[in-house]
C-alpha atoms as a PDB file:
ATOM      1  CA  UNK A   1      23.488-144.104 -10.372  1.00  0.00           C
ATOM      2  CA  UNK A   2      23.885-140.953  -7.857  1.00  0.00           C
ATOM      3  CA  UNK A   3      25.733-138.279  -9.167  1.00  0.00           C
ATOM      4  CA  UNK A   4      28.758-136.574  -6.636  1.00  0.00           C
ATOM      5  CA  UNK A   5      28.713-133.489  -5.426  1.00  0.00           C
ATOM      6  CA  UNK A   6      31.838-131.291  -4.234  1.00  0.00           C
ATOM      7  CA  UNK A   7      32.538-131.572   0.055  1.00  0.00           C
ATOM      8  CA  UNK A   8      31.478-127.891   0.480  1.00  0.00           C
ATOM      9  CA  UNK A   9      28.492-128.389  -1.400  1.00  0.00           C
ATOM     10  CA  UNK A  10      27.163-131.954   0.708  1.00  0.00           C
ATOM     11  CA  UNK A  11      27.484-129.956   4.115  1.00  0.00           C
ATOM     12  CA  UNK A  12      24.623-128.030   5.096  1.00  0.00           C
ATOM     13  CA  UNK A  13      24.167-124.486   5.884  1.00  0.00           C
ATOM     14  CA  UNK A  14      22.804-123.991   9.302  1.00  0.00           C
ATOM     15  CA  UNK A  15      22.833-120.870  10.040  1.00  0.00           C
ATOM     16  CA  UNK A  16      20.322-118.469  12.521  1.00  0.00           C
ATOM     17  CA  UNK A  17      18.122-116.298  10.491  1.00  0.00           C
ATOM     18  CA  UNK A  18      19.015-113.291  11.732  1.00  0.00           C
ATOM     19  CA  UNK A  19      22.657-113.474  10.840  1.00  0.00           C
ATOM     20  CA  UNK A  20      21.517-114.018   7.479  1.00  0.00           C
ATOM     21  CA  UNK A  21      20.087-110.641   7.677  1.00  0.00           C
ATOM     22  CA  UNK A  22      22.850-109.621   9.726  1.00  0.00           C
ATOM     23  CA  UNK A  23      24.919-110.378   7.056  1.00  0.00           C
ATOM     24  CA  UNK A  24      23.046-108.573   4.642  1.00  0.00           C
ATOM     25  CA  UNK A  25      22.828-105.626   6.781  1.00  0.00           C
ATOM     26  CA  UNK A  26      26.393-105.305   7.062  1.00  0.00           C
ATOM     27  CA  UNK A  27      26.812-105.275   3.382  1.00  0.00           C
ATOM     28  CA  UNK A  28      24.500-102.501   3.286  1.00  0.00           C
ATOM     29  CA  UNK A  29      26.013-100.288   5.566  1.00  0.00           C
ATOM     30  CA  UNK A  30      29.510-100.695   4.295  1.00  0.00           C
ATOM     31  CA  UNK A  31      27.829 -99.760   1.018  1.00  0.00           C
ATOM     32  CA  UNK A  32      26.178 -96.763   2.547  1.00  0.00           C
ATOM     33  CA  UNK A  33      29.807 -95.559   4.231  1.00  0.00           C
ATOM     34  CA  UNK A  34      31.538 -96.097   1.202  1.00  0.00           C
ATOM     35  CA  UNK A  35      28.717 -93.710  -1.359  1.00  0.00           C
ATOM     36  CA  UNK A  36      28.630 -90.962   1.530  1.00  0.00           C
ATOM     37  CA  UNK A  37      31.976 -90.763   1.416  1.00  0.00           C
ATOM     38  CA  UNK A  38      32.450 -90.469  -2.118  1.00  0.00           C
ATOM     39  CA  UNK A  39      29.716 -87.866  -2.323  1.00  0.00           C
ATOM     40  CA  UNK A  40      31.394 -85.959   0.416  1.00  0.00           C
ATOM     41  CA  UNK A  41      34.302 -86.049  -1.396  1.00  0.00           C
ATOM     42  CA  UNK A  42      33.255 -84.220  -4.373  1.00  0.00           C
ATOM     43  CA  UNK A  43      33.567 -80.874  -3.288  1.00  0.00           C
ATOM     44  CA  UNK A  44      37.443 -81.595  -2.884  1.00  0.00           C
ATOM     45  CA  UNK A  45      37.606 -82.977  -6.207  1.00  0.00           C
ATOM     46  CA  UNK A  46      36.067 -79.823  -7.560  1.00  0.00           C
ATOM     47  CA  UNK A  47      38.728 -77.833  -5.464  1.00  0.00           C
ATOM     48  CA  UNK A  48      41.513 -79.581  -6.566  1.00  0.00           C
ATOM     49  CA  UNK A  49      40.010 -79.661 -10.634  1.00  0.00           C
ATOM     50  CA  UNK A  50      39.218 -75.675 -10.046  1.00  0.00           C
ATOM     51  CA  UNK A  51      42.820 -75.348  -8.480  1.00  0.00           C
ATOM     52  CA  UNK A  52      44.692 -77.097 -11.138  1.00  0.00           C
ATOM     53  CA  UNK A  53      42.686 -74.426 -14.263  1.00  0.00           C
ATOM     54  CA  UNK A  54      43.418 -71.421 -11.557  1.00  0.00           C
ATOM     55  CA  UNK A  55      46.961 -72.308 -11.507  1.00  0.00           C
ATOM     56  CA  UNK A  56      47.218 -72.256 -15.314  1.00  0.00           C
ATOM     57  CA  UNK A  57      45.613 -69.012 -15.738  1.00  0.00           C
ATOM     58  CA  UNK A  58      47.693 -67.201 -13.092  1.00  0.00           C
ATOM     59  CA  UNK A  59      50.918 -68.764 -14.897  1.00  0.00           C
ATOM     60  CA  UNK A  60      49.074 -66.995 -18.141  1.00  0.00           C
ATOM     61  CA  UNK A  61      48.714 -63.617 -16.392  1.00  0.00           C
ATOM     62  CA  UNK A  62      52.185 -63.791 -15.236  1.00  0.00           C
ATOM     63  CA  UNK A  63      53.180 -63.835 -18.971  1.00  0.00           C
ATOM     64  CA  UNK A  64      50.906 -61.106 -19.349  1.00  0.00           C
ATOM     65  CA  UNK A  65      52.253 -58.812 -16.989  1.00  0.00           C
ATOM     66  CA  UNK A  66      55.292 -59.646 -17.820  1.00  0.00           C
ATOM     67  CA  UNK A  67      55.033 -58.754 -21.867  1.00  0.00           C
ATOM     68  CA  UNK A  68      53.545 -55.224 -20.096  1.00  0.00           C
ATOM     69  CA  UNK A  69      56.166 -54.711 -17.868  1.00  0.00           C
ATOM     70  CA  UNK A  70      58.815 -54.987 -20.702  1.00  0.00           C
ATOM     71  CA  UNK A  71      56.191 -53.035 -23.035  1.00  0.00           C
ATOM     72  CA  UNK A  72      56.510 -50.362 -20.282  1.00  0.00           C
ATOM     73  CA  UNK A  73      60.287 -50.661 -20.068  1.00  0.00           C
ATOM     74  CA  UNK A  74      61.129 -50.066 -23.451  1.00  0.00           C
ATOM     75  CA  UNK A  75      59.013 -46.813 -24.405  1.00  0.00           C
ATOM     76  CA  UNK A  76      60.866 -45.623 -20.920  1.00  0.00           C
ATOM     77  CA  UNK A  77      63.963 -46.202 -23.084  1.00  0.00           C
ATOM     78  CA  UNK A  78      62.644 -44.579 -25.953  1.00  0.00           C
ATOM     79  CA  UNK A  79      61.529 -41.678 -23.895  1.00  0.00           C
ATOM     80  CA  UNK A  80      64.821 -41.358 -21.994  1.00  0.00           C
ATOM     81  CA  UNK A  81      66.719 -41.655 -25.539  1.00  0.00           C
ATOM     82  CA  UNK A  82      64.076 -38.554 -26.703  1.00  0.00           C
ATOM     83  CA  UNK A  83      65.546 -36.466 -23.681  1.00  0.00           C
ATOM     84  CA  UNK A  84      69.040 -37.270 -24.109  1.00  0.00           C
ATOM     85  CA  UNK A  85      68.541 -36.468 -28.016  1.00  0.00           C
ATOM     86  CA  UNK A  86      67.288 -33.052 -27.067  1.00  0.00           C
ATOM     87  CA  UNK A  87      70.034 -32.280 -24.485  1.00  0.00           C
ATOM     88  CA  UNK A  88      72.543 -33.372 -27.360  1.00  0.00           C
ATOM     89  CA  UNK A  89      70.928 -30.740 -29.422  1.00  0.00           C
ATOM     90  CA  UNK A  90      70.787 -28.132 -26.561  1.00  0.00           C
ATOM     91  CA  UNK A  91      74.579 -28.409 -25.785  1.00  0.00           C
ATOM     92  CA  UNK A  92      75.401 -28.144 -29.760  1.00  0.00           C
ATOM     93  CA  UNK A  93      73.712 -25.025 -29.977  1.00  0.00           C
ATOM     94  CA  UNK A  94      75.184 -23.660 -27.014  1.00  0.00           C
ATOM     95  CA  UNK A  95      78.816 -24.529 -28.520  1.00  0.00           C
ATOM     96  CA  UNK A  96      78.402 -22.169 -30.777  1.00  0.00           C
ATOM     97  CA  UNK A  97      77.881 -18.983 -28.087  1.00  0.00           C
ATOM     98  CA  UNK A  98      80.897 -20.104 -25.748  1.00  0.00           C
ATOM     99  CA  UNK A  99      84.099 -18.169 -25.759  1.00  0.00           C
ATOM    100  CA  UNK A 100      86.429 -20.508 -24.263  1.00  0.00           C
ATOM    101  CA  UNK A 101      87.973 -23.614 -24.768  1.00  0.00           C
ATOM    102  CA  UNK A 102      87.672 -24.599 -21.052  1.00  0.00           C
ATOM    103  CA  UNK A 103      83.481 -24.162 -21.990  1.00  0.00           C
ATOM    104  CA  UNK A 104      83.809 -25.692 -25.544  1.00  0.00           C
ATOM    105  CA  UNK A 105      85.423 -29.070 -24.104  1.00  0.00           C
ATOM    106  CA  UNK A 106      82.743 -29.308 -21.060  1.00  0.00           C
ATOM    107  CA  UNK A 107      79.750 -29.180 -23.834  1.00  0.00           C
ATOM    108  CA  UNK A 108      81.388 -32.042 -25.684  1.00  0.00           C
ATOM    109  CA  UNK A 109      81.966 -34.132 -22.520  1.00  0.00           C
ATOM    110  CA  UNK A 110      78.232 -34.005 -21.631  1.00  0.00           C
ATOM    111  CA  UNK A 111      77.483 -34.326 -25.701  1.00  0.00           C
ATOM    112  CA  UNK A 112      79.465 -37.473 -25.472  1.00  0.00           C
ATOM    113  CA  UNK A 113      78.098 -38.561 -21.634  1.00  0.00           C
ATOM    114  CA  UNK A 114      74.376 -38.350 -23.928  1.00  0.00           C
ATOM    115  CA  UNK A 115      75.321 -40.096 -26.534  1.00  0.00           C
ATOM    116  CA  UNK A 116      76.467 -42.714 -24.407  1.00  0.00           C
ATOM    117  CA  UNK A 117      73.703 -43.271 -22.386  1.00  0.00           C
ATOM    118  CA  UNK A 118      71.495 -43.410 -25.843  1.00  0.00           C
ATOM    119  CA  UNK A 119      73.520 -46.351 -26.943  1.00  0.00           C
ATOM    120  CA  UNK A 120      72.778 -47.758 -23.577  1.00  0.00           C
ATOM    121  CA  UNK A 121      69.401 -47.229 -24.145  1.00  0.00           C
ATOM    122  CA  UNK A 122      68.995 -48.794 -27.243  1.00  0.00           C
ATOM    123  CA  UNK A 123      71.066 -51.636 -26.425  1.00  0.00           C
ATOM    124  CA  UNK A 124      68.105 -52.426 -23.661  1.00  0.00           C
ATOM    125  CA  UNK A 125      65.721 -51.921 -26.191  1.00  0.00           C
ATOM    126  CA  UNK A 126      67.058 -54.565 -28.202  1.00  0.00           C
ATOM    127  CA  UNK A 127      67.199 -56.394 -25.285  1.00  0.00           C
ATOM    128  CA  UNK A 128      63.752 -55.443 -24.433  1.00  0.00           C
ATOM    129  CA  UNK A 129      62.699 -56.970 -27.789  1.00  0.00           C
ATOM    130  CA  UNK A 130      64.413 -60.451 -27.478  1.00  0.00           C
ATOM    131  CA  UNK A 131      62.638 -60.936 -23.956  1.00  0.00           C
ATOM    132  CA  UNK A 132      59.283 -59.542 -25.796  1.00  0.00           C
ATOM    133  CA  UNK A 133      59.516 -62.155 -28.269  1.00  0.00           C
ATOM    134  CA  UNK A 134      59.712 -64.297 -26.011  1.00  0.00           C
ATOM    135  CA  UNK A 135      57.109 -63.719 -23.922  1.00  0.00           C
ATOM    136  CA  UNK A 136      54.931 -63.377 -26.668  1.00  0.00           C
ATOM    137  CA  UNK A 137      55.394 -66.855 -27.518  1.00  0.00           C
ATOM    138  CA  UNK A 138      55.179 -67.597 -23.657  1.00  0.00           C
ATOM    139  CA  UNK A 139      51.382 -65.757 -23.584  1.00  0.00           C
ATOM    140  CA  UNK A 140      50.627 -67.714 -26.688  1.00  0.00           C
ATOM    141  CA  UNK A 141      51.617 -71.015 -25.768  1.00  0.00           C
ATOM    142  CA  UNK A 142      49.895 -70.533 -22.469  1.00  0.00           C
ATOM    143  CA  UNK A 143      46.806 -69.444 -23.926  1.00  0.00           C
ATOM    144  CA  UNK A 144      46.465 -72.703 -25.808  1.00  0.00           C
ATOM    145  CA  UNK A 145      46.743 -74.683 -22.888  1.00  0.00           C
ATOM    146  CA  UNK A 146      44.585 -73.374 -20.974  1.00  0.00           C
ATOM    147  CA  UNK A 147      42.026 -73.647 -23.334  1.00  0.00           C
ATOM    148  CA  UNK A 148      42.724 -77.040 -23.905  1.00  0.00           C
ATOM    149  CA  UNK A 149      43.088 -77.812 -19.795  1.00  0.00           C
ATOM    150  CA  UNK A 150      39.363 -75.410 -19.034  1.00  0.00           C
ATOM    151  CA  UNK A 151      37.994 -77.804 -21.654  1.00  0.00           C
ATOM    152  CA  UNK A 152      39.295 -81.270 -20.002  1.00  0.00           C
ATOM    153  CA  UNK A 153      38.628 -79.659 -16.422  1.00  0.00           C
ATOM    154  CA  UNK A 154      35.034 -78.910 -17.685  1.00  0.00           C
ATOM    155  CA  UNK A 155      34.766 -82.734 -18.896  1.00  0.00           C
ATOM    156  CA  UNK A 156      35.937 -83.932 -15.218  1.00  0.00           C
ATOM    157  CA  UNK A 157      33.921 -81.995 -13.585  1.00  0.00           C
ATOM    158  CA  UNK A 158      30.977 -83.295 -16.053  1.00  0.00           C
ATOM    159  CA  UNK A 159      32.176 -86.781 -15.077  1.00  0.00           C
ATOM    160  CA  UNK A 160      31.862 -86.202 -11.217  1.00  0.00           C
ATOM    161  CA  UNK A 161      28.717 -84.497 -11.447  1.00  0.00           C
ATOM    162  CA  UNK A 162      27.109 -87.394 -13.120  1.00  0.00           C
ATOM    163  CA  UNK A 163      29.045 -89.872 -10.746  1.00  0.00           C
ATOM    164  CA  UNK A 164      27.595 -88.109  -7.854  1.00  0.00           C
ATOM    165  CA  UNK A 165      24.310 -88.584  -9.365  1.00  0.00           C
ATOM    166  CA  UNK A 166      25.014 -92.103  -9.230  1.00  0.00           C
ATOM    167  CA  UNK A 167      25.844 -92.151  -6.173  1.00  0.00           C
ATOM    168  CA  UNK A 168      23.122 -90.291  -4.733  1.00  0.00           C
ATOM    169  CA  UNK A 169      20.834 -92.434  -6.475  1.00  0.00           C
ATOM    170  CA  UNK A 170      22.615 -96.185  -5.003  1.00  0.00           C
ATOM    171  CA  UNK A 171      22.693 -94.457  -1.828  1.00  0.00           C
ATOM    172  CA  UNK A 172      18.918 -94.078  -1.612  1.00  0.00           C
ATOM    173  CA  UNK A 173      19.080 -97.326  -2.925  1.00  0.00           C
ATOM    174  CA  UNK A 174      20.916 -98.967   0.138  1.00  0.00           C
ATOM    175  CA  UNK A 175      19.603 -97.006   2.444  1.00  0.00           C
ATOM    176  CA  UNK A 176      16.015 -98.065   1.629  1.00  0.00           C
ATOM    177  CA  UNK A 177      17.674-101.905   1.611  1.00  0.00           C
ATOM    178  CA  UNK A 178      19.121-101.463   4.990  1.00  0.00           C
ATOM    179  CA  UNK A 179      16.050 -99.542   6.632  1.00  0.00           C
ATOM    180  CA  UNK A 180      14.165-103.049   5.186  1.00  0.00           C
ATOM    181  CA  UNK A 181      16.669-105.490   6.799  1.00  0.00           C
ATOM    182  CA  UNK A 182      16.503-103.437   9.885  1.00  0.00           C
ATOM    183  CA  UNK A 183      13.235-104.025  10.498  1.00  0.00           C
ATOM    184  CA  UNK A 184      13.193-107.649   9.978  1.00  0.00           C
ATOM    185  CA  UNK A 185      16.019-108.139  12.870  1.00  0.00           C
ATOM    186  CA  UNK A 186      15.673-109.019  16.532  1.00  0.00           C
ATOM    187  CA  UNK A 187      15.409-106.015  18.422  1.00  0.00           C
ATOM    188  CA  UNK A 188      18.006-107.194  20.958  1.00  0.00           C
ATOM    189  CA  UNK A 189      20.512-108.423  18.441  1.00  0.00           C
ATOM    190  CA  UNK A 190      20.663-105.349  16.282  1.00  0.00           C
ATOM    191  CA  UNK A 191      20.658-103.259  19.082  1.00  0.00           C
ATOM    192  CA  UNK A 192      23.894-105.442  19.956  1.00  0.00           C
ATOM    193  CA  UNK A 193      25.314-105.037  16.222  1.00  0.00           C
ATOM    194  CA  UNK A 194      25.070-101.099  16.506  1.00  0.00           C
ATOM    195  CA  UNK A 195      26.901-100.978  19.621  1.00  0.00           C
ATOM    196  CA  UNK A 196      29.458-103.221  18.456  1.00  0.00           C
ATOM    197  CA  UNK A 197      29.763-101.375  15.164  1.00  0.00           C
ATOM    198  CA  UNK A 198      29.916 -98.009  16.460  1.00  0.00           C
ATOM    199  CA  UNK A 199      33.159 -99.247  18.480  1.00  0.00           C
ATOM    200  CA  UNK A 200      34.781-102.015  15.820  1.00  0.00           C
ATOM    201  CA  UNK A 201      33.729-100.326  12.445  1.00  0.00           C
ATOM    202  CA  UNK A 202      32.392-104.274  11.571  1.00  0.00           C
ATOM    203  CA  UNK A 203      30.352-105.700  14.004  1.00  0.00           C
ATOM    204  CA  UNK A 204      30.185-109.110  12.353  1.00  0.00           C
ATOM    205  CA  UNK A 205      32.991-111.847  12.218  1.00  0.00           C
ATOM    206  CA  UNK A 206      33.605-115.000  10.353  1.00  0.00           C
ATOM    207  CA  UNK A 207      34.840-117.951  12.611  1.00  0.00           C
ATOM    208  CA  UNK A 208      36.863-120.678  10.950  1.00  0.00           C
ATOM    209  CA  UNK A 209      38.745-123.437  12.475  1.00  0.00           C
ATOM    210  CA  UNK A 210      37.891-122.561  15.498  1.00  0.00           C
ATOM    211  CA  UNK A 211      39.188-118.917  15.799  1.00  0.00           C
ATOM    212  CA  UNK A 212      37.558-115.263  15.974  1.00  0.00           C
ATOM    213  CA  UNK A 213      38.760-114.203  12.065  1.00  0.00           C
ATOM    214  CA  UNK A 214      38.870-110.653  13.479  1.00  0.00           C
ATOM    215  CA  UNK A 215      40.391-110.866  16.396  1.00  0.00           C
ATOM    216  CA  UNK A 216      42.473-114.224  16.017  1.00  0.00           C
ATOM    217  CA  UNK A 217      41.412-115.079  19.590  1.00  0.00           C
ATOM    218  CA  UNK A 218      40.642-119.297  20.065  1.00  0.00           C
ATOM    219  CA  UNK A 219      37.086-119.763  20.781  1.00  0.00           C
ATOM    220  CA  UNK A 220      36.127-122.283  23.256  1.00  0.00           C
ATOM    221  CA  UNK A 221      35.197-126.038  21.268  1.00  0.00           C
ATOM    222  CA  UNK A 222      31.488-125.670  22.994  1.00  0.00           C
ATOM    223  CA  UNK A 223      30.927-122.347  21.957  1.00  0.00           C
ATOM    224  CA  UNK A 224      32.400-123.086  18.448  1.00  0.00           C
ATOM    225  CA  UNK A 225      30.034-126.629  18.421  1.00  0.00           C
ATOM    226  CA  UNK A 226      26.878-124.188  19.508  1.00  0.00           C
ATOM    227  CA  UNK A 227      28.003-121.989  16.429  1.00  0.00           C
ATOM    228  CA  UNK A 228      27.929-124.755  13.933  1.00  0.00           C
ATOM    229  CA  UNK A 229      24.739-125.770  15.045  1.00  0.00           C
ATOM    230  CA  UNK A 230      23.299-122.237  14.463  1.00  0.00           C
ATOM    231  CA  UNK A 231      20.256-122.427  16.942  1.00  0.00           C
ATOM    232  CA  UNK A 232      21.137-118.753  18.628  1.00  0.00           C
ATOM    233  CA  UNK A 233      23.048-116.099  17.964  1.00  0.00           C
ATOM    234  CA  UNK A 234      27.221-116.198  19.158  1.00  0.00           C
ATOM    235  CA  UNK A 235      29.652-113.593  19.844  1.00  0.00           C
ATOM    236  CA  UNK A 236      33.045-113.297  20.395  1.00  0.00           C
ATOM    237  CA  UNK A 237      34.744-113.305  24.113  1.00  0.00           C
ATOM    238  CA  UNK A 238      37.444-111.018  23.088  1.00  0.00           C
ATOM    239  CA  UNK A 239      36.150-108.426  20.959  1.00  0.00           C
ATOM    240  CA  UNK A 240      32.478-108.656  21.028  1.00  0.00           C
ATOM    241  CA  UNK A 241      31.624-109.492  17.284  1.00  0.00           C
ATOM    242  CA  UNK A 242      28.793-111.779  16.440  1.00  0.00           C
ATOM    243  CA  UNK A 243      29.971-114.803  15.003  1.00  0.00           C
ATOM    244  CA  UNK A 244      29.053-116.416  11.720  1.00  0.00           C
ATOM    245  CA  UNK A 245      30.731-120.020  10.483  1.00  0.00           C
ATOM    246  CA  UNK A 246      30.545-120.481   7.097  1.00  0.00           C
ATOM    247  CA  UNK A 247      30.692-124.326   6.027  1.00  0.00           C
ATOM    248  CA  UNK A 248      31.803-123.808   2.798  1.00  0.00           C
ATOM    249  CA  UNK A 249      35.259-122.465   3.727  1.00  0.00           C
ATOM    250  CA  UNK A 250      36.098-125.511   5.975  1.00  0.00           C
ATOM    251  CA  UNK A 251      38.442-127.822   4.076  1.00  0.00           C
ATOM    252  CA  UNK A 252      37.332-131.433   3.450  1.00  0.00           C
ATOM    253  CA  UNK A 253      38.659-134.260   5.160  1.00  0.00           C
ATOM    254  CA  UNK A 254      41.498-135.909   4.297  1.00  0.00           C
ATOM    255  CA  UNK A 255      40.659-139.310   2.004  1.00  0.00           C
ATOM    256  CA  UNK A 256      41.214-142.848   4.073  1.00  0.00           C
ATOM    257  CA  UNK A 257      44.569-144.257   3.255  1.00  0.00           C
ATOM    258  CA  UNK A 258      44.420-147.933   1.717  1.00  0.00           C
ATOM    259  CA  UNK A 259      46.805-150.121   3.635  1.00  0.00           C
ATOM    260  CA  UNK A 260      49.132-152.277   1.824  1.00  0.00           C
ATOM    261  CA  UNK A 261      49.009-155.838   1.747  1.00  0.00           C
ATOM    262  CA  UNK A 262      51.385-157.557   3.194  1.00  0.00           C
ATOM    263  CA  UNK A 263      53.407-159.995   0.757  1.00  0.00           C
ATOM    264  CA  UNK A 264      53.312-164.063   2.156  1.00  0.00           C
ATOM    265  CA  UNK A 265      56.944-165.093   2.885  1.00  0.00           C
ATOM    266  CA  UNK A 266      58.408-167.633   0.077  1.00  0.00           C
ATOM    267  CA  UNK A 267      58.471-171.211   1.641  1.00  0.00           C
ATOM    268  CA  UNK A 268      62.131-172.210   1.854  1.00  0.00           C
ATOM    269  CA  UNK A 269      63.141-175.776   0.096  1.00  0.00           C
ATOM    270  CA  UNK A 270      64.147-178.585   2.079  1.00  0.00           C
ATOM    271  CA  UNK A 271      67.199-179.895   2.138  1.00  0.00           C
ATOM    272  CA  UNK A 272      67.627-183.471   0.928  1.00  0.00           C
ATOM    273  CA  UNK A 273      69.625-185.925   3.657  1.00  0.00           C
ATOM    274  CA  UNK A 274      73.071-186.069   3.114  1.00  0.00           C
ATOM    275  CA  UNK A 275      72.846-190.515   3.243  1.00  0.00           C
ATOM    276  CA  UNK A 276      70.818-190.265   0.120  1.00  0.00           C
ATOM    277  CA  UNK A 277      72.558-187.856  -1.934  1.00  0.00           C
ATOM    278  CA  UNK A 278      76.070-190.455  -1.245  1.00  0.00           C
ATOM    279  CA  UNK A 279      73.807-193.544  -2.398  1.00  0.00           C
ATOM    280  CA  UNK A 280      73.024-191.916  -5.493  1.00  0.00           C
ATOM    281  CA  UNK A 281      76.631-191.240  -6.247  1.00  0.00           C
ATOM    282  CA  UNK A 282      77.916-194.758  -5.287  1.00  0.00           C
ATOM    283  CA  UNK A 283      75.058-196.355  -8.093  1.00  0.00           C
ATOM    284  CA  UNK A 284      76.088-193.745 -10.537  1.00  0.00           C
ATOM    285  CA  UNK A 285      79.553-195.017 -10.256  1.00  0.00           C
ATOM    286  CA  UNK A 286      78.491-198.592 -11.103  1.00  0.00           C
END
């Protein structure tokens, strides 16, 4: 007993020899392009990674600069306090030598002004110390974050380099495969493939249901039949791509519908003559 096979498997796959190679060539071209783009993108990936690290370093330097500026500001205030204290000491010495009340009041005014300036400087130093504590915490946090980020970025860069090495290896393999395929295809067909590829980015298109699946233009019935026969290279009249036909994509035919048998009409009962019925009624009466 024969085992039934799926419909698509029973259909014969008739394809021009060059078409089989062209389909493989198109796959190779796509892989070559993909790998070349990945390899070309590596410098940009590394630049983005390094930019992240540079941003973290810049943030750390900002905190360090703020901490240094804070320290300089605090020293300036401390130096100003020393200057005001020297002024107070001088004014007090002078107050011992003055001979008028106005001169004495003037010196006391200068001393009061210097003391107020010292208090202001001390408040500034206190505020500066609080800010310094905040900057020191920010610096430590930024240093810790930068250290962890630097380690992670080195891993990313190593992974990117490893991926590029793998891509370059695969690229060499695909190029070798592509060169072998190109050498096995009819020159005129290959030349047409190259021209369309340069313009359309893809040179092959599947034909299905009498349509080019790339540009959706309907094919003439004769051309579609010739394509299905698989004896020659057929191109789309609209987009000029080389067409191929895949019988596995053709829907299976619907099973034939079974006709239902009509039921025979029932025979109608023949009524008895009226006279027979009357005679039977008379006999029953006797």
